[in-house]
Every structure is written in C-alpha cells, then in structure tokens.
Amino acid sequence: MKKPNFDINKKSFPNDDLVGDEYSKSPSVEEFSIDKLKQFPNDMIELFKLIQAVRYDRTCLQEEYNSYRLKLNNDRMDLESEVIKIKKQYNAKICALQEEYNSVKSNNNIELAKIREN
C-alpha cells in the first residue's frame, strides 16, 4: 500500500497531437515530505500517525495469518499422509483376514467332502 502523501509533483509531458492524449498521461506522482506534514495541525498529524499504525498492524496481522495458513497446510498434509498409512495398514489386515477365512473355508469344504465320501 502507498503511504499518504502531502506533496503533489506532476510529471510534465510534451504535448503530442495524438488522439486520446488526455488518457495517455500518467497520474500525478505524490511524494512524502515530513516538512509538509509539520505544516498541518496536530489533529491531522495524529490522524496520519493512526493511519500508519493501522497499516503496520494490518501488515503484521497479514504476516501472522500467512504463517498460520502455512502451518495449517503443513499439518493437513501430515494428517493426509498419516491417513494413507493407516489405510494401508487396515487394508493389509483385511487382506490377511480374508486369506485366513478363505483357507479355513477351503479346509472345511475338504473335511466335509471327506465326511460325505465315508
């Protein structure tokens, strides 16, 4: 964000006979001057200082917000990797139980077939 400025210095451009020349000129450039600031009443100076303090606080809060967002994103990625690990472990246990169930089932079928033959 720009600082409030109290001196206005306009850049001069040579007049060209181009169509829309009034639109091609750049806006006036403002420069900050403490001497100009001291010419204003104390209320204006206090208001200027308050504006500067608010801007400083906003930038500090924005930096704090960005750091918390970064931490939140890192924590989210860590949790996602943990969820993936847990899913893999869970799927491995399910596969082991299914294999055990299938082997018990086939053993029971073999035993039933032997009993029926007798």
PDB file of N, CA and C in Angstrom:
ATOM      1  N   MET A   1       0.834  -1.177   0.000  1.00  0.00           N
ATOM      2  CA  MET A   1       0.000   0.000   0.000  1.00  0.00           C
ATOM      3  C   MET A   1       0.883   1.246   0.000  1.00  0.00           C
ATOM      4  N   LYS A   2       0.341   2.296  -0.607  1.00  0.00           N
ATOM      5  CA  LYS A   2       1.077   3.541  -0.646  1.00  0.00           C
ATOM      6  C   LYS A   2       0.931   4.287   0.665  1.00  0.00           C
ATOM      7  N   LYS A   3       1.956   5.035   1.006  1.00  0.00           N
ATOM      8  CA  LYS A   3       1.867   5.922   2.156  1.00  0.00           C
ATOM      9  C   LYS A   3       1.084   7.159   1.738  1.00  0.00           C
ATOM     10  N   PRO A   4       0.355   7.785   2.664  1.00  0.00           N
ATOM     11  CA  PRO A   4      -0.317   9.031   2.289  1.00  0.00           C
ATOM     12  C   PRO A   4       0.727  10.100   1.986  1.00  0.00           C
ATOM     13  N   ASN A   5       0.487  10.835   0.951  1.00  0.00           N
ATOM     14  CA  ASN A   5       1.452  11.833   0.519  1.00  0.00           C
ATOM     15  C   ASN A   5       0.821  13.216   0.584  1.00  0.00           C
ATOM     16  N   PHE A   6       1.648  14.193   0.864  1.00  0.00           N
ATOM     17  CA  PHE A   6       1.140  15.546   1.004  1.00  0.00           C
ATOM     18  C   PHE A   6       1.679  16.492  -0.056  1.00  0.00           C
ATOM     19  N   ASP A   7       2.689  16.119  -0.781  1.00  0.00           N
ATOM     20  CA  ASP A   7       3.220  16.930  -1.875  1.00  0.00           C
ATOM     21  C   ASP A   7       2.856  16.267  -3.182  1.00  0.00           C
ATOM     22  N   ILE A   8       2.353  17.048  -4.110  1.00  0.00           N
ATOM     23  CA  ILE A   8       1.994  16.504  -5.413  1.00  0.00           C
ATOM     24  C   ILE A   8       2.913  17.125  -6.446  1.00  0.00           C
ATOM     25  N   ASN A   9       3.714  16.302  -7.063  1.00  0.00           N
ATOM     26  CA  ASN A   9       4.593  16.742  -8.144  1.00  0.00           C
ATOM     27  C   ASN A   9       4.110  16.078  -9.417  1.00  0.00           C
ATOM     28  N   LYS A  10       3.655  16.892 -10.363  1.00  0.00           N
ATOM     29  CA  LYS A  10       3.161  16.338 -11.612  1.00  0.00           C
ATOM     30  C   LYS A  10       4.300  16.249 -12.614  1.00  0.00           C
ATOM     31  N   LYS A  11       4.320  15.138 -13.320  1.00  0.00           N
ATOM     32  CA  LYS A  11       5.307  14.980 -14.376  1.00  0.00           C
ATOM     33  C   LYS A  11       4.826  15.756 -15.599  1.00  0.00           C
ATOM     34  N   SER A  12       5.737  16.371 -16.284  1.00  0.00           N
ATOM     35  CA  SER A  12       5.361  17.104 -17.487  1.00  0.00           C
ATOM     36  C   SER A  12       5.651  16.237 -18.706  1.00  0.00           C
ATOM     37  N   PHE A  13       4.748  16.286 -19.655  1.00  0.00           N
ATOM     38  CA  PHE A  13       4.886  15.539 -20.894  1.00  0.00           C
ATOM     39  C   PHE A  13       4.770  16.515 -22.052  1.00  0.00           C
ATOM     40  N   PRO A  14       5.517  16.274 -23.105  1.00  0.00           N
ATOM     41  CA  PRO A  14       5.346  17.136 -24.285  1.00  0.00           C
ATOM     42  C   PRO A  14       3.978  16.866 -24.903  1.00  0.00           C
ATOM     43  N   ASN A  15       3.345  17.909 -25.378  1.00  0.00           N
ATOM     44  CA  ASN A  15       2.021  17.751 -25.984  1.00  0.00           C
ATOM     45  C   ASN A  15       2.161  17.121 -27.358  1.00  0.00           C
ATOM     46  N   ASP A  16       1.574  15.966 -27.491  1.00  0.00           N
ATOM     47  CA  ASP A  16       1.527  15.296 -28.786  1.00  0.00           C
ATOM     48  C   ASP A  16       0.121  15.456 -29.318  1.00  0.00           C
ATOM     49  N   ASP A  17      -0.022  15.472 -30.607  1.00  0.00           N
ATOM     50  CA  ASP A  17      -1.339  15.608 -31.213  1.00  0.00           C
ATOM     51  C   ASP A  17      -1.952  14.241 -31.463  1.00  0.00           C
ATOM     52  N   LEU A  18      -1.814  13.348 -30.495  1.00  0.00           N
ATOM     53  CA  LEU A  18      -2.380  12.014 -30.629  1.00  0.00           C
ATOM     54  C   LEU A  18      -3.815  12.022 -30.154  1.00  0.00           C
ATOM     55  N   VAL A  19      -4.613  11.164 -30.733  1.00  0.00           N
ATOM     56  CA  VAL A  19      -5.998  11.037 -30.298  1.00  0.00           C
ATOM     57  C   VAL A  19      -6.010  10.383 -28.931  1.00  0.00           C
ATOM     58  N   GLY A  20      -6.788  10.929 -28.014  1.00  0.00           N
ATOM     59  CA  GLY A  20      -6.869  10.359 -26.671  1.00  0.00           C
ATOM     60  C   GLY A  20      -5.650  10.675 -25.843  1.00  0.00           C
ATOM     61  N   ASP A  21      -4.990  11.798 -26.116  1.00  0.00           N
ATOM     62  CA  ASP A  21      -3.769  12.148 -25.392  1.00  0.00           C
ATOM     63  C   ASP A  21      -4.037  12.371 -23.912  1.00  0.00           C
ATOM     64  N   GLU A  22      -5.235  12.859 -23.594  1.00  0.00           N
ATOM     65  CA  GLU A  22      -5.537  13.119 -22.185  1.00  0.00           C
ATOM     66  C   GLU A  22      -5.588  11.824 -21.380  1.00  0.00           C
ATOM     67  N   TYR A  23      -5.789  10.700 -22.043  1.00  0.00           N
ATOM     68  CA  TYR A  23      -5.834   9.416 -21.350  1.00  0.00           C
ATOM     69  C   TYR A  23      -4.457   8.768 -21.249  1.00  0.00           C
ATOM     70  N   SER A  24      -3.532   9.177 -22.096  1.00  0.00           N
ATOM     71  CA  SER A  24      -2.229   8.528 -22.106  1.00  0.00           C
ATOM     72  C   SER A  24      -1.288   9.086 -21.049  1.00  0.00           C
ATOM     73  N   LYS A  25      -1.623  10.241 -20.467  1.00  0.00           N
ATOM     74  CA  LYS A  25      -0.755  10.815 -19.446  1.00  0.00           C
ATOM     75  C   LYS A  25      -0.869  10.008 -18.166  1.00  0.00           C
ATOM     76  N   SER A  26       0.250   9.833 -17.507  1.00  0.00           N
ATOM     77  CA  SER A  26       0.228   9.086 -16.249  1.00  0.00           C
ATOM     78  C   SER A  26      -0.305   9.996 -15.147  1.00  0.00           C
ATOM     79  N   PRO A  27      -0.880   9.417 -14.090  1.00  0.00           N
ATOM     80  CA  PRO A  27      -1.409  10.239 -12.998  1.00  0.00           C
ATOM     81  C   PRO A  27      -0.289  10.963 -12.264  1.00  0.00           C
ATOM     82  N   SER A  28      -0.672  11.953 -11.488  1.00  0.00           N
ATOM     83  CA  SER A  28       0.322  12.733 -10.758  1.00  0.00           C
ATOM     84  C   SER A  28       1.049  11.847  -9.755  1.00  0.00           C
ATOM     85  N   VAL A  29       2.320  12.151  -9.525  1.00  0.00           N
ATOM     86  CA  VAL A  29       3.142  11.384  -8.602  1.00  0.00           C
ATOM     87  C   VAL A  29       3.230  12.163  -7.303  1.00  0.00           C
ATOM     88  N   GLU A  30       2.879  11.516  -6.212  1.00  0.00           N
ATOM     89  CA  GLU A  30       2.899  12.181  -4.914  1.00  0.00           C
ATOM     90  C   GLU A  30       4.132  11.740  -4.147  1.00  0.00           C
ATOM     91  N   GLU A  31       4.747  12.677  -3.426  1.00  0.00           N
ATOM     92  CA  GLU A  31       5.931  12.369  -2.637  1.00  0.00           C
ATOM     93  C   GLU A  31       5.668  12.726  -1.188  1.00  0.00           C
ATOM     94  N   PHE A  32       6.212  11.927  -0.286  1.00  0.00           N
ATOM     95  CA  PHE A  32       6.046  12.166   1.144  1.00  0.00           C
ATOM     96  C   PHE A  32       7.075  13.178   1.618  1.00  0.00           C
ATOM     97  N   SER A  33       6.620  14.125   2.451  1.00  0.00           N
ATOM     98  CA  SER A  33       7.529  15.127   2.990  1.00  0.00           C
ATOM     99  C   SER A  33       7.160  15.399   4.441  1.00  0.00           C
ATOM    100  N   ILE A  34       8.120  15.238   5.342  1.00  0.00           N
ATOM    101  CA  ILE A  34       7.871  15.500   6.767  1.00  0.00           C
ATOM    102  C   ILE A  34       7.669  16.990   6.996  1.00  0.00           C
ATOM    103  N   ASP A  35       8.380  17.835   6.243  1.00  0.00           N
ATOM    104  CA  ASP A  35       8.203  19.282   6.395  1.00  0.00           C
ATOM    105  C   ASP A  35       6.777  19.693   6.062  1.00  0.00           C
ATOM    106  N   LYS A  36       6.233  19.110   5.009  1.00  0.00           N
ATOM    107  CA  LYS A  36       4.852  19.412   4.632  1.00  0.00           C
ATOM    108  C   LYS A  36       3.896  18.888   5.697  1.00  0.00           C
ATOM    109  N   LEU A  37       4.220  17.738   6.272  1.00  0.00           N
ATOM    110  CA  LEU A  37       3.376  17.164   7.320  1.00  0.00           C
ATOM    111  C   LEU A  37       3.342  18.064   8.547  1.00  0.00           C
ATOM    112  N   LYS A  38       4.469  18.671   8.882  1.00  0.00           N
ATOM    113  CA  LYS A  38       4.538  19.530  10.070  1.00  0.00           C
ATOM    114  C   LYS A  38       3.740  20.816   9.904  1.00  0.00           C
ATOM    115  N   GLN A  39       3.385  21.173   8.677  1.00  0.00           N
ATOM    116  CA  GLN A  39       2.589  22.374   8.443  1.00  0.00           C
ATOM    117  C   GLN A  39       1.126  22.167   8.808  1.00  0.00           C
ATOM    118  N   PHE A  40       0.692  20.929   8.910  1.00  0.00           N
ATOM    119  CA  PHE A  40      -0.701  20.643   9.225  1.00  0.00           C
ATOM    120  C   PHE A  40      -0.927  20.703  10.727  1.00  0.00           C
ATOM    121  N   PRO A  41      -2.194  20.857  11.157  1.00  0.00           N
ATOM    122  CA  PRO A  41      -2.490  20.884  12.596  1.00  0.00           C
ATOM    123  C   PRO A  41      -2.180  19.538  13.247  1.00  0.00           C
ATOM    124  N   ASN A  42      -2.059  19.568  14.573  1.00  0.00           N
ATOM    125  CA  ASN A  42      -1.713  18.355  15.324  1.00  0.00           C
ATOM    126  C   ASN A  42      -2.743  17.248  15.132  1.00  0.00           C
ATOM    127  N   ASP A  43      -4.015  17.623  14.967  1.00  0.00           N
ATOM    128  CA  ASP A  43      -5.053  16.603  14.747  1.00  0.00           C
ATOM    129  C   ASP A  43      -4.775  15.819  13.472  1.00  0.00           C
ATOM    130  N   MET A  44      -4.363  16.532  12.432  1.00  0.00           N
ATOM    131  CA  MET A  44      -4.060  15.854  11.175  1.00  0.00           C
ATOM    132  C   MET A  44      -2.836  14.956  11.325  1.00  0.00           C
ATOM    133  N   ILE A  45      -1.848  15.435  12.073  1.00  0.00           N
ATOM    134  CA  ILE A  45      -0.640  14.634  12.287  1.00  0.00           C
ATOM    135  C   ILE A  45      -0.981  13.372  13.068  1.00  0.00           C
ATOM    136  N   GLU A  46      -1.825  13.505  14.096  1.00  0.00           N
ATOM    137  CA  GLU A  46      -2.251  12.335  14.870  1.00  0.00           C
ATOM    138  C   GLU A  46      -3.028  11.366  13.993  1.00  0.00           C
ATOM    139  N   LEU A  47      -3.878  11.906  13.133  1.00  0.00           N
ATOM    140  CA  LEU A  47      -4.637  11.052  12.214  1.00  0.00           C
ATOM    141  C   LEU A  47      -3.688  10.309  11.273  1.00  0.00           C
ATOM    142  N   PHE A  48      -2.692  11.005  10.775  1.00  0.00           N
ATOM    143  CA  PHE A  48      -1.698  10.376   9.910  1.00  0.00           C
ATOM    144  C   PHE A  48      -0.970   9.260  10.648  1.00  0.00           C
ATOM    145  N   LYS A  49      -0.582   9.531  11.898  1.00  0.00           N
ATOM    146  CA  LYS A  49       0.112   8.513  12.689  1.00  0.00           C
ATOM    147  C   LYS A  49      -0.785   7.313  12.954  1.00  0.00           C
ATOM    148  N   LEU A  50      -2.073   7.573  13.210  1.00  0.00           N
ATOM    149  CA  LEU A  50      -3.016   6.463  13.410  1.00  0.00           C
ATOM    150  C   LEU A  50      -3.145   5.623  12.146  1.00  0.00           C
ATOM    151  N   ILE A  51      -3.201   6.292  11.006  1.00  0.00           N
ATOM    152  CA  ILE A  51      -3.296   5.557   9.738  1.00  0.00           C
ATOM    153  C   ILE A  51      -2.059   4.694   9.541  1.00  0.00           C
ATOM    154  N   GLN A  52      -0.897   5.249   9.836  1.00  0.00           N
ATOM    155  CA  GLN A  52       0.338   4.481   9.703  1.00  0.00           C
ATOM    156  C   GLN A  52       0.348   3.293  10.668  1.00  0.00           C
ATOM    157  N   ALA A  53      -0.136   3.512  11.907  1.00  0.00           N
ATOM    158  CA  ALA A  53      -0.175   2.418  12.882  1.00  0.00           C
ATOM    159  C   ALA A  53      -1.119   1.317  12.424  1.00  0.00           C
ATOM    160  N   VAL A  54      -2.266   1.713  11.864  1.00  0.00           N
ATOM    161  CA  VAL A  54      -3.230   0.718  11.368  1.00  0.00           C
ATOM    162  C   VAL A  54      -2.621  -0.071  10.216  1.00  0.00           C
ATOM    163  N   ARG A  55      -1.914   0.600   9.336  1.00  0.00           N
ATOM    164  CA  ARG A  55      -1.270  -0.100   8.219  1.00  0.00           C
ATOM    165  C   ARG A  55      -0.206  -1.067   8.722  1.00  0.00           C
ATOM    166  N   TYR A  56       0.564  -0.632   9.705  1.00  0.00           N
ATOM    167  CA  TYR A  56       1.591  -1.505  10.272  1.00  0.00           C
ATOM    168  C   TYR A  56       0.948  -2.732  10.913  1.00  0.00           C
ATOM    169  N   ASP A  57      -0.126  -2.506  11.685  1.00  0.00           N
ATOM    170  CA  ASP A  57      -0.826  -3.630  12.315  1.00  0.00           C
ATOM    171  C   ASP A  57      -1.387  -4.579  11.267  1.00  0.00           C
ATOM    172  N   ARG A  58      -1.923  -4.011  10.181  1.00  0.00           N
ATOM    173  CA  ARG A  58      -2.501  -4.857   9.142  1.00  0.00           C
ATOM    174  C   ARG A  58      -1.427  -5.724   8.497  1.00  0.00           C
ATOM    175  N   THR A  59      -0.260  -5.152   8.232  1.00  0.00           N
ATOM    176  CA  THR A  59       0.803  -5.959   7.630  1.00  0.00           C
ATOM    177  C   THR A  59       1.286  -7.031   8.601  1.00  0.00           C
ATOM    178  N   CYS A  60       1.369  -6.681   9.895  1.00  0.00           N
ATOM    179  CA  CYS A  60       1.775  -7.692  10.888  1.00  0.00           C
ATOM    180  C   CYS A  60       0.747  -8.812  10.959  1.00  0.00           C
ATOM    181  N   LEU A  61      -0.530  -8.434  10.972  1.00  0.00           N
ATOM    182  CA  LEU A  61      -1.584  -9.451  11.020  1.00  0.00           C
ATOM    183  C   LEU A  61      -1.592 -10.296   9.754  1.00  0.00           C
ATOM    184  N   GLN A  62      -1.306  -9.681   8.611  1.00  0.00           N
ATOM    185  CA  GLN A  62      -1.255 -10.439   7.361  1.00  0.00           C
ATOM    186  C   GLN A  62      -0.113 -11.449   7.393  1.00  0.00           C
ATOM    187  N   GLU A  63       1.038 -11.042   7.917  1.00  0.00           N
ATOM    188  CA  GLU A  63       2.167 -11.971   8.033  1.00  0.00           C
ATOM    189  C   GLU A  63       1.842 -13.101   9.001  1.00  0.00           C
ATOM    190  N   GLU A  64       1.182 -12.767  10.112  1.00  0.00           N
ATOM    191  CA  GLU A  64       0.795 -13.797  11.081  1.00  0.00           C
ATOM    192  C   GLU A  64      -0.208 -14.760  10.458  1.00  0.00           C
ATOM    193  N   TYR A  65      -1.172 -14.210   9.711  1.00  0.00           N
ATOM    194  CA  TYR A  65      -2.161 -15.033   9.024  1.00  0.00           C
ATOM    195  C   TYR A  65      -1.477 -15.973   8.035  1.00  0.00           C
ATOM    196  N   ASN A  66      -0.514 -15.442   7.277  1.00  0.00           N
ATOM    197  CA  ASN A  66       0.197 -16.276   6.301  1.00  0.00           C
ATOM    198  C   ASN A  66       0.965 -17.400   6.984  1.00  0.00           C
ATOM    199  N   SER A  67       1.582 -17.100   8.138  1.00  0.00           N
ATOM    200  CA  SER A  67       2.321 -18.158   8.840  1.00  0.00           C
ATOM    201  C   SER A  67       1.364 -19.226   9.365  1.00  0.00           C
ATOM    202  N   TYR A  68       0.203 -18.813   9.871  1.00  0.00           N
ATOM    203  CA  TYR A  68      -0.774 -19.797  10.342  1.00  0.00           C
ATOM    204  C   TYR A  68      -1.334 -20.621   9.190  1.00  0.00           C
ATOM    205  N   ARG A  69      -1.552 -19.988   8.026  1.00  0.00           N
ATOM    206  CA  ARG A  69      -2.028 -20.737   6.863  1.00  0.00           C
ATOM    207  C   ARG A  69      -0.991 -21.772   6.430  1.00  0.00           C
ATOM    208  N   LEU A  70       0.279 -21.387   6.447  1.00  0.00           N
ATOM    209  CA  LEU A  70       1.348 -22.315   6.090  1.00  0.00           C
ATOM    210  C   LEU A  70       1.388 -23.482   7.065  1.00  0.00           C
ATOM    211  N   LYS A  71       1.280 -23.187   8.365  1.00  0.00           N
ATOM    212  CA  LYS A  71       1.271 -24.242   9.376  1.00  0.00           C
ATOM    213  C   LYS A  71       0.057 -25.147   9.192  1.00  0.00           C
ATOM    214  N   LEU A  72      -1.099 -24.550   8.906  1.00  0.00           N
ATOM    215  CA  LEU A  72      -2.316 -25.328   8.687  1.00  0.00           C
ATOM    216  C   LEU A  72      -2.159 -26.256   7.487  1.00  0.00           C
ATOM    217  N   ASN A  73      -1.596 -25.751   6.404  1.00  0.00           N
ATOM    218  CA  ASN A  73      -1.391 -26.585   5.216  1.00  0.00           C
ATOM    219  C   ASN A  73      -0.411 -27.717   5.496  1.00  0.00           C
ATOM    220  N   ASN A  74       0.663 -27.413   6.234  1.00  0.00           N
ATOM    221  CA  ASN A  74       1.628 -28.462   6.578  1.00  0.00           C
ATOM    222  C   ASN A  74       0.994 -29.521   7.470  1.00  0.00           C
ATOM    223  N   ASP A  75       0.203 -29.089   8.458  1.00  0.00           N
ATOM    224  CA  ASP A  75      -0.477 -30.045   9.333  1.00  0.00           C
ATOM    225  C   ASP A  75      -1.468 -30.897   8.546  1.00  0.00           C
ATOM    226  N   ARG A  76      -2.170 -30.278   7.597  1.00  0.00           N
ATOM    227  CA  ARG A  76      -3.134 -31.022   6.781  1.00  0.00           C
ATOM    228  C   ARG A  76      -2.421 -32.083   5.952  1.00  0.00           C
ATOM    229  N   MET A  77      -1.286 -31.737   5.363  1.00  0.00           N
ATOM    230  CA  MET A  77      -0.538 -32.719   4.571  1.00  0.00           C
ATOM    231  C   MET A  77      -0.003 -33.844   5.451  1.00  0.00           C
ATOM    232  N   ASP A  78       0.438 -33.508   6.667  1.00  0.00           N
ATOM    233  CA  ASP A  78       0.900 -34.540   7.599  1.00  0.00           C
ATOM    234  C   ASP A  78      -0.238 -35.488   7.956  1.00  0.00           C
ATOM    235  N   LEU A  79      -1.417 -34.919   8.217  1.00  0.00           N
ATOM    236  CA  LEU A  79      -2.570 -35.760   8.545  1.00  0.00           C
ATOM    237  C   LEU A  79      -2.970 -36.637   7.367  1.00  0.00           C
ATOM    238  N   GLU A  80      -2.919 -36.097   6.166  1.00  0.00           N
ATOM    239  CA  GLU A  80      -3.253 -36.902   4.989  1.00  0.00           C
ATOM    240  C   GLU A  80      -2.282 -38.061   4.829  1.00  0.00           C
ATOM    241  N   SER A  81      -1.003 -37.831   5.077  1.00  0.00           N
ATOM    242  CA  SER A  81      -0.038 -38.932   4.965  1.00  0.00           C
ATOM    243  C   SER A  81      -0.285 -39.970   6.053  1.00  0.00           C
ATOM    244  N   GLU A  82      -0.656 -39.526   7.261  1.00  0.00           N
ATOM    245  CA  GLU A  82      -0.990 -40.473   8.335  1.00  0.00           C
ATOM    246  C   GLU A  82      -2.221 -41.294   7.964  1.00  0.00           C
ATOM    247  N   VAL A  83      -3.224 -40.649   7.378  1.00  0.00           N
ATOM    248  CA  VAL A  83      -4.433 -41.367   6.961  1.00  0.00           C
ATOM    249  C   VAL A  83      -4.086 -42.410   5.908  1.00  0.00           C
ATOM    250  N   ILE A  84      -3.215 -42.071   4.982  1.00  0.00           N
ATOM    251  CA  ILE A  84      -2.812 -43.028   3.945  1.00  0.00           C
ATOM    252  C   ILE A  84      -2.098 -44.222   4.568  1.00  0.00           C
ATOM    253  N   LYS A  85      -1.199 -43.967   5.531  1.00  0.00           N
ATOM    254  CA  LYS A  85      -0.504 -45.068   6.210  1.00  0.00           C
ATOM    255  C   LYS A  85      -1.491 -45.965   6.944  1.00  0.00           C
ATOM    256  N   ILE A  86      -2.442 -45.361   7.651  1.00  0.00           N
ATOM    257  CA  ILE A  86      -3.433 -46.150   8.403  1.00  0.00           C
ATOM    258  C   ILE A  86      -4.296 -46.967   7.454  1.00  0.00           C
ATOM    259  N   LYS A  87      -4.682 -46.381   6.314  1.00  0.00           N
ATOM    260  CA  LYS A  87      -5.481 -47.119   5.333  1.00  0.00           C
ATOM    261  C   LYS A  87      -4.707 -48.317   4.798  1.00  0.00           C
ATOM    262  N   LYS A  88      -3.410 -48.127   4.529  1.00  0.00           N
ATOM    263  CA  LYS A  88      -2.597 -49.244   4.041  1.00  0.00           C
ATOM    264  C   LYS A  88      -2.513 -50.353   5.078  1.00  0.00           C
ATOM    265  N   GLN A  89      -2.301 -49.986   6.348  1.00  0.00           N
ATOM    266  CA  GLN A  89      -2.248 -50.994   7.414  1.00  0.00           C
ATOM    267  C   GLN A  89      -3.589 -51.707   7.540  1.00  0.00           C
ATOM    268  N   TYR A  90      -4.672 -50.961   7.488  1.00  0.00           N
ATOM    269  CA  TYR A  90      -6.009 -51.532   7.604  1.00  0.00           C
ATOM    270  C   TYR A  90      -6.283 -52.489   6.446  1.00  0.00           C
ATOM    271  N   ASN A  91      -5.931 -52.066   5.231  1.00  0.00           N
ATOM    272  CA  ASN A  91      -6.142 -52.931   4.065  1.00  0.00           C
ATOM    273  C   ASN A  91      -5.297 -54.194   4.148  1.00  0.00           C
ATOM    274  N   ALA A  92      -4.073 -54.083   4.667  1.00  0.00           N
ATOM    275  CA  ALA A  92      -3.224 -55.270   4.830  1.00  0.00           C
ATOM    276  C   ALA A  92      -3.850 -56.241   5.824  1.00  0.00           C
ATOM    277  N   LYS A  93      -4.404 -55.725   6.925  1.00  0.00           N
ATOM    278  CA  LYS A  93      -5.061 -56.593   7.907  1.00  0.00           C
ATOM    279  C   LYS A  93      -6.298 -57.244   7.308  1.00  0.00           C
ATOM    280  N   ILE A  94      -7.058 -56.493   6.532  1.00  0.00           N
ATOM    281  CA  ILE A  94      -8.250 -57.059   5.894  1.00  0.00           C
ATOM    282  C   ILE A  94      -7.852 -58.172   4.931  1.00  0.00           C
ATOM    283  N   CYS A  95      -6.804 -57.955   4.149  1.00  0.00           N
ATOM    284  CA  CYS A  95      -6.346 -58.990   3.210  1.00  0.00           C
ATOM    285  C   CYS A  95      -5.898 -60.245   3.958  1.00  0.00           C
ATOM    286  N   ALA A  96      -5.183 -60.056   5.067  1.00  0.00           N
ATOM    287  CA  ALA A  96      -4.732 -61.209   5.857  1.00  0.00           C
ATOM    288  C   ALA A  96      -5.926 -61.973   6.418  1.00  0.00           C
ATOM    289  N   LEU A  97      -6.924 -61.259   6.921  1.00  0.00           N
ATOM    290  CA  LEU A  97      -8.125 -61.923   7.453  1.00  0.00           C
ATOM    291  C   LEU A  97      -8.900 -62.634   6.351  1.00  0.00           C
ATOM    292  N   GLN A  98      -8.981 -62.036   5.165  1.00  0.00           N
ATOM    293  CA  GLN A  98      -9.676 -62.694   4.057  1.00  0.00           C
ATOM    294  C   GLN A  98      -8.953 -63.965   3.633  1.00  0.00           C
ATOM    295  N   GLU A  99      -7.622 -63.921   3.590  1.00  0.00           N
ATOM    296  CA  GLU A  99      -6.863 -65.127   3.246  1.00  0.00           C
ATOM    297  C   GLU A  99      -7.069 -66.212   4.295  1.00  0.00           C
ATOM    298  N   GLU A 100      -7.049 -65.808   5.566  1.00  0.00           N
ATOM    299  CA  GLU A 100      -7.276 -66.788   6.637  1.00  0.00           C
ATOM    300  C   GLU A 100      -8.680 -67.375   6.541  1.00  0.00           C
ATOM    301  N   TYR A 101      -9.665 -66.534   6.268  1.00  0.00           N
ATOM    302  CA  TYR A 101     -11.043 -67.002   6.127  1.00  0.00           C
ATOM    303  C   TYR A 101     -11.153 -67.968   4.956  1.00  0.00           C
ATOM    304  N   ASN A 102     -10.536 -67.622   3.825  1.00  0.00           N
ATOM    305  CA  ASN A 102     -10.605 -68.496   2.653  1.00  0.00           C
ATOM    306  C   ASN A 102      -9.922 -69.834   2.914  1.00  0.00           C
ATOM    307  N   SER A 103      -8.785 -69.828   3.627  1.00  0.00           N
ATOM    308  CA  SER A 103      -8.108 -71.099   3.912  1.00  0.00           C
ATOM    309  C   SER A 103      -8.946 -71.943   4.867  1.00  0.00           C
ATOM    310  N   VAL A 104      -9.555 -71.332   5.883  1.00  0.00           N
ATOM    311  CA  VAL A 104     -10.420 -72.088   6.806  1.00  0.00           C
ATOM    312  C   VAL A 104     -11.624 -72.626   6.056  1.00  0.00           C
ATOM    313  N   LYS A 105     -12.190 -71.819   5.187  1.00  0.00           N
ATOM    314  CA  LYS A 105     -13.362 -72.251   4.423  1.00  0.00           C
ATOM    315  C   LYS A 105     -13.008 -73.422   3.507  1.00  0.00           C
ATOM    316  N   SER A 106     -11.854 -73.332   2.839  1.00  0.00           N
ATOM    317  CA  SER A 106     -11.467 -74.438   1.956  1.00  0.00           C
ATOM    318  C   SER A 106     -11.157 -75.693   2.767  1.00  0.00           C
ATOM    319  N   ASN A 107     -10.533 -75.551   3.958  1.00  0.00           N
ATOM    320  CA  ASN A 107     -10.285 -76.712   4.822  1.00  0.00           C
ATOM    321  C   ASN A 107     -11.598 -77.339   5.261  1.00  0.00           C
ATOM    322  N   ASN A 108     -12.580 -76.516   5.604  1.00  0.00           N
ATOM    323  CA  ASN A 108     -13.893 -77.052   5.991  1.00  0.00           C
ATOM    324  C   ASN A 108     -14.544 -77.771   4.823  1.00  0.00           C
ATOM    325  N   ASN A 109     -14.436 -77.203   3.627  1.00  0.00           N
ATOM    326  CA  ASN A 109     -15.019 -77.862   2.453  1.00  0.00           C
ATOM    327  C   ASN A 109     -14.338 -79.202   2.183  1.00  0.00           C
ATOM    328  N   ILE A 110     -13.014 -79.270   2.356  1.00  0.00           N
ATOM    329  CA  ILE A 110     -12.284 -80.529   2.155  1.00  0.00           C
ATOM    330  C   ILE A 110     -12.726 -81.560   3.186  1.00  0.00           C
ATOM    331  N   GLU A 111     -12.845 -81.132   4.454  1.00  0.00           N
ATOM    332  CA  GLU A 111     -13.280 -82.058   5.508  1.00  0.00           C
ATOM    333  C   GLU A 111     -14.702 -82.540   5.263  1.00  0.00           C
ATOM    334  N   LEU A 112     -15.590 -81.635   4.824  1.00  0.00           N
ATOM    335  CA  LEU A 112     -16.967 -82.052   4.519  1.00  0.00           C
ATOM    336  C   LEU A 112     -16.998 -83.040   3.356  1.00  0.00           C
ATOM    337  N   ALA A 113     -16.159 -82.826   2.367  1.00  0.00           N
ATOM    338  CA  ALA A 113     -16.109 -83.754   1.230  1.00  0.00           C
ATOM    339  C   ALA A 113     -15.618 -85.125   1.683  1.00  0.00           C
ATOM    340  N   LYS A 114     -14.619 -85.184   2.601  1.00  0.00           N
ATOM    341  CA  LYS A 114     -14.134 -86.461   3.119  1.00  0.00           C
ATOM    342  C   LYS A 114     -15.219 -87.153   3.924  1.00  0.00           C
ATOM    343  N   ILE A 115     -15.951 -86.395   4.727  1.00  0.00           N
ATOM    344  CA  ILE A 115     -17.017 -86.994   5.547  1.00  0.00           C
ATOM    345  C   ILE A 115     -18.109 -87.549   4.645  1.00  0.00           C
ATOM    346  N   ARG A 116     -18.459 -86.871   3.577  1.00  0.00           N
ATOM    347  CA  ARG A 116     -19.507 -87.329   2.673  1.00  0.00           C
ATOM    348  C   ARG A 116     -19.068 -88.596   1.935  1.00  0.00           C
ATOM    349  N   GLU A 117     -17.774 -88.718   1.656  1.00  0.00           N
ATOM    350  CA  GLU A 117     -17.287 -89.909   0.973  1.00  0.00           C
ATOM    351  C   GLU A 117     -17.383 -91.132   1.875  1.00  0.00           C
ATOM    352  N   ASN A 118     -17.252 -90.945   3.153  1.00  0.00           N
ATOM    353  CA  ASN A 118     -17.292 -92.080   4.081  1.00  0.00           C
ATOM    354  C   ASN A 118     -18.694 -92.428   4.331  1.00  0.00           C
TER     355      ASN A 118
END
